[in-house]
Amino acid sequence: MKLEEVKDLLYIERGALDEELVRHPQLYYTVSIEAARATAKRDALKAGISEADSAVELAIRAEVEERGTKITESNIKAKVAASAEHKEAYAAWLAAKLVSDEWAAAEEVVKVRGPMIRDLVTM
């Protein structure tokens, strides 16, 4: 399911409340699964930042050792943060975070939708 589809399904059809009550649990389940997947992807990409940073740091340290020069820890951190690998991993994580946050918001709206349907049925 795509996020745009969820937005279309959020509308509560007052003339078909019985159908809305029946359809709601499946919608909630589907959105919750998509939110969990998006969160898992975001978390995996967060770990990818650490992995990329570690690889860059090791390469920097190897280069410094090979040259026989010295470098401060703060310079290493700065070089890691400025590396293309770090920037790419961070950009991927940010994009995944946005998707994860959007799915979390959709999940919250769908969660609120259930009691709204029940309230409309009892009116």
C-alpha atoms as a PDB file:
ATOM      1  CA  MET A   1       0.000   0.000   0.000  1.00  0.00           C
ATOM      2  CA  LYS A   2       1.189   3.498  -0.747  1.00  0.00           C
ATOM      3  CA  LEU A   3       0.832   6.478   1.516  1.00  0.00           C
ATOM      4  CA  GLU A   4      -1.354   8.276  -1.038  1.00  0.00           C
ATOM      5  CA  GLU A   5      -3.781   5.341  -0.955  1.00  0.00           C
ATOM      6  CA  VAL A   6      -4.036   5.650   2.820  1.00  0.00           C
ATOM      7  CA  LYS A   7      -4.894   9.331   2.516  1.00  0.00           C
ATOM      8  CA  ASP A   8      -7.742   8.435   0.169  1.00  0.00           C
ATOM      9  CA  LEU A   9      -9.040   5.770   2.574  1.00  0.00           C
ATOM     10  CA  LEU A  10      -9.151   8.054   5.611  1.00  0.00           C
ATOM     11  CA  TYR A  11     -12.427   9.667   4.560  1.00  0.00           C
ATOM     12  CA  ILE A  12     -15.321   8.247   6.567  1.00  0.00           C
ATOM     13  CA  GLU A  13     -18.392   7.653   4.424  1.00  0.00           C
ATOM     14  CA  ARG A  14     -21.279   8.484   6.766  1.00  0.00           C
ATOM     15  CA  GLY A  15     -23.760   6.633   4.583  1.00  0.00           C
ATOM     16  CA  ALA A  16     -21.756   3.404   4.810  1.00  0.00           C
ATOM     17  CA  LEU A  17     -20.693   3.248   8.453  1.00  0.00           C
ATOM     18  CA  ASP A  18     -21.211  -0.518   8.644  1.00  0.00           C
ATOM     19  CA  GLU A  19     -18.738  -0.972   5.796  1.00  0.00           C
ATOM     20  CA  GLU A  20     -16.347   1.486   7.421  1.00  0.00           C
ATOM     21  CA  LEU A  21     -16.452  -0.534  10.663  1.00  0.00           C
ATOM     22  CA  VAL A  22     -15.682  -3.732   8.786  1.00  0.00           C
ATOM     23  CA  ARG A  23     -12.930  -2.177   6.660  1.00  0.00           C
ATOM     24  CA  HIS A  24     -11.182  -0.288   9.457  1.00  0.00           C
ATOM     25  CA  PRO A  25      -9.300  -3.184  11.166  1.00  0.00           C
ATOM     26  CA  GLN A  26      -7.721  -4.237   7.856  1.00  0.00           C
ATOM     27  CA  LEU A  27      -6.735  -0.636   7.124  1.00  0.00           C
ATOM     28  CA  TYR A  28      -5.209  -0.278  10.579  1.00  0.00           C
ATOM     29  CA  TYR A  29      -3.308  -3.549  10.223  1.00  0.00           C
ATOM     30  CA  THR A  30      -1.971  -2.653   6.773  1.00  0.00           C
ATOM     31  CA  VAL A  31      -0.865   0.820   7.829  1.00  0.00           C
ATOM     32  CA  SER A  32       0.762  -0.547  10.988  1.00  0.00           C
ATOM     33  CA  ILE A  33       2.749  -3.092   8.961  1.00  0.00           C
ATOM     34  CA  GLU A  34       3.904  -0.409   6.520  1.00  0.00           C
ATOM     35  CA  ALA A  35       4.889   1.834   9.431  1.00  0.00           C
ATOM     36  CA  ALA A  36       6.900  -1.013  10.972  1.00  0.00           C
ATOM     37  CA  ARG A  37       8.647  -1.682   7.651  1.00  0.00           C
ATOM     38  CA  ALA A  38       9.499   1.986   7.232  1.00  0.00           C
ATOM     39  CA  THR A  39      10.862   2.117  10.786  1.00  0.00           C
ATOM     40  CA  ALA A  40      12.968  -0.995  10.213  1.00  0.00           C
ATOM     41  CA  LYS A  41      14.414   0.483   7.021  1.00  0.00           C
ATOM     42  CA  ARG A  42      15.170   3.754   8.807  1.00  0.00           C
ATOM     43  CA  ASP A  43      16.894   1.905  11.646  1.00  0.00           C
ATOM     44  CA  ALA A  44      18.949  -0.192   9.228  1.00  0.00           C
ATOM     45  CA  LEU A  45      20.092   2.933   7.420  1.00  0.00           C
ATOM     46  CA  LYS A  46      21.014   4.530  10.758  1.00  0.00           C
ATOM     47  CA  ALA A  47      23.322   1.575  11.350  1.00  0.00           C
ATOM     48  CA  GLY A  48      24.646   2.137   7.832  1.00  0.00           C
ATOM     49  CA  ILE A  49      25.862   5.583   8.851  1.00  0.00           C
ATOM     50  CA  SER A  50      27.965   4.053  11.618  1.00  0.00           C
ATOM     51  CA  GLU A  51      29.322   1.417   9.266  1.00  0.00           C
ATOM     52  CA  ALA A  52      30.246   3.998   6.625  1.00  0.00           C
ATOM     53  CA  ASP A  53      31.851   6.233   9.246  1.00  0.00           C
ATOM     54  CA  SER A  54      33.870   3.327  10.636  1.00  0.00           C
ATOM     55  CA  ALA A  55      35.147   2.373   7.190  1.00  0.00           C
ATOM     56  CA  VAL A  56      36.170   5.957   6.449  1.00  0.00           C
ATOM     57  CA  GLU A  57      37.833   6.308   9.846  1.00  0.00           C
ATOM     58  CA  LEU A  58      39.825   3.109   9.317  1.00  0.00           C
ATOM     59  CA  ALA A  59      40.950   4.325   5.904  1.00  0.00           C
ATOM     60  CA  ILE A  60      42.045   7.669   7.354  1.00  0.00           C
ATOM     61  CA  ARG A  61      43.961   5.988  10.160  1.00  0.00           C
ATOM     62  CA  ALA A  62      45.632   3.588   7.709  1.00  0.00           C
ATOM     63  CA  GLU A  63      46.659   6.475   5.480  1.00  0.00           C
ATOM     64  CA  VAL A  64      48.071   8.428   8.426  1.00  0.00           C
ATOM     65  CA  GLU A  65      49.972   5.380   9.642  1.00  0.00           C
ATOM     66  CA  GLU A  66      51.316   4.683   6.157  1.00  0.00           C
ATOM     67  CA  ARG A  67      52.593   8.253   5.862  1.00  0.00           C
ATOM     68  CA  GLY A  68      54.026   8.193   9.351  1.00  0.00           C
ATOM     69  CA  THR A  69      52.194  11.378  10.278  1.00  0.00           C
ATOM     70  CA  LYS A  70      49.900  12.231  13.169  1.00  0.00           C
ATOM     71  CA  ILE A  71      46.321  13.416  13.262  1.00  0.00           C
ATOM     72  CA  THR A  72      44.053  14.490  16.109  1.00  0.00           C
ATOM     73  CA  GLU A  73      40.806  12.730  16.926  1.00  0.00           C
ATOM     74  CA  SER A  74      38.861  15.899  16.145  1.00  0.00           C
ATOM     75  CA  ASN A  75      40.469  16.058  12.688  1.00  0.00           C
ATOM     76  CA  ILE A  76      39.518  12.438  12.075  1.00  0.00           C
ATOM     77  CA  LYS A  77      35.925  13.163  13.091  1.00  0.00           C
ATOM     78  CA  ALA A  78      35.846  16.198  10.808  1.00  0.00           C
ATOM     79  CA  LYS A  79      37.198  14.197   7.863  1.00  0.00           C
ATOM     80  CA  VAL A  80      34.682  11.432   8.489  1.00  0.00           C
ATOM     81  CA  ALA A  81      31.793  13.920   8.635  1.00  0.00           C
ATOM     82  CA  ALA A  82      32.976  15.575   5.413  1.00  0.00           C
ATOM     83  CA  SER A  83      33.401  12.301   3.535  1.00  0.00           C
ATOM     84  CA  ALA A  84      31.161  11.421   0.605  1.00  0.00           C
ATOM     85  CA  GLU A  85      30.362   8.079   2.215  1.00  0.00           C
ATOM     86  CA  HIS A  86      29.051   9.737   5.371  1.00  0.00           C
ATOM     87  CA  LYS A  87      27.025  12.297   3.432  1.00  0.00           C
ATOM     88  CA  GLU A  88      25.485   9.607   1.232  1.00  0.00           C
ATOM     89  CA  ALA A  89      24.591   7.364   4.186  1.00  0.00           C
ATOM     90  CA  TYR A  90      23.163  10.320   6.117  1.00  0.00           C
ATOM     91  CA  ALA A  91      21.071  11.474   3.142  1.00  0.00           C
ATOM     92  CA  ALA A  92      19.657   7.955   2.735  1.00  0.00           C
ATOM     93  CA  TRP A  93      18.820   7.838   6.442  1.00  0.00           C
ATOM     94  CA  LEU A  94      17.115  11.253   6.302  1.00  0.00           C
ATOM     95  CA  ALA A  95      14.965  10.162   3.374  1.00  0.00           C
ATOM     96  CA  ALA A  96      14.012   6.954   5.210  1.00  0.00           C
ATOM     97  CA  LYS A  97      13.282   8.941   8.370  1.00  0.00           C
ATOM     98  CA  LEU A  98      10.861  11.161   6.475  1.00  0.00           C
ATOM     99  CA  VAL A  99       9.026   8.125   5.081  1.00  0.00           C
ATOM    100  CA  SER A 100       8.996   6.497   8.520  1.00  0.00           C
ATOM    101  CA  ASP A 101       7.597   9.652  10.118  1.00  0.00           C
ATOM    102  CA  GLU A 102       4.911   9.909   7.431  1.00  0.00           C
ATOM    103  CA  TRP A 103       3.838   6.297   8.016  1.00  0.00           C
ATOM    104  CA  ALA A 104       3.839   6.864  11.788  1.00  0.00           C
ATOM    105  CA  ALA A 105       1.546   9.857  11.289  1.00  0.00           C
ATOM    106  CA  ALA A 106      -0.734   7.800   9.043  1.00  0.00           C
ATOM    107  CA  GLU A 107      -0.829   5.051  11.661  1.00  0.00           C
ATOM    108  CA  GLU A 108      -1.813   7.570  14.326  1.00  0.00           C
ATOM    109  CA  VAL A 109      -4.586   9.022  12.173  1.00  0.00           C
ATOM    110  CA  VAL A 110      -5.940   5.550  11.387  1.00  0.00           C
ATOM    111  CA  LYS A 111      -5.821   4.713  15.100  1.00  0.00           C
ATOM    112  CA  VAL A 112      -7.952   7.778  15.870  1.00  0.00           C
ATOM    113  CA  ARG A 113     -10.295   6.969  12.992  1.00  0.00           C
ATOM    114  CA  GLY A 114     -11.636   3.820  14.712  1.00  0.00           C
ATOM    115  CA  PRO A 115     -13.236   5.559  17.688  1.00  0.00           C
ATOM    116  CA  MET A 116     -14.554   8.245  15.354  1.00  0.00           C
ATOM    117  CA  ILE A 117     -16.406   5.620  13.331  1.00  0.00           C
ATOM    118  CA  ARG A 118     -17.821   4.066  16.511  1.00  0.00           C
ATOM    119  CA  ASP A 119     -19.014   7.495  17.668  1.00  0.00           C
ATOM    120  CA  LEU A 120     -20.700   8.130  14.339  1.00  0.00           C
ATOM    121  CA  VAL A 121     -22.440   4.742  14.472  1.00  0.00           C
ATOM    122  CA  THR A 122     -23.896   5.493  17.902  1.00  0.00           C
ATOM    123  CA  MET A 123     -25.276   8.867  16.830  1.00  0.00           C
END
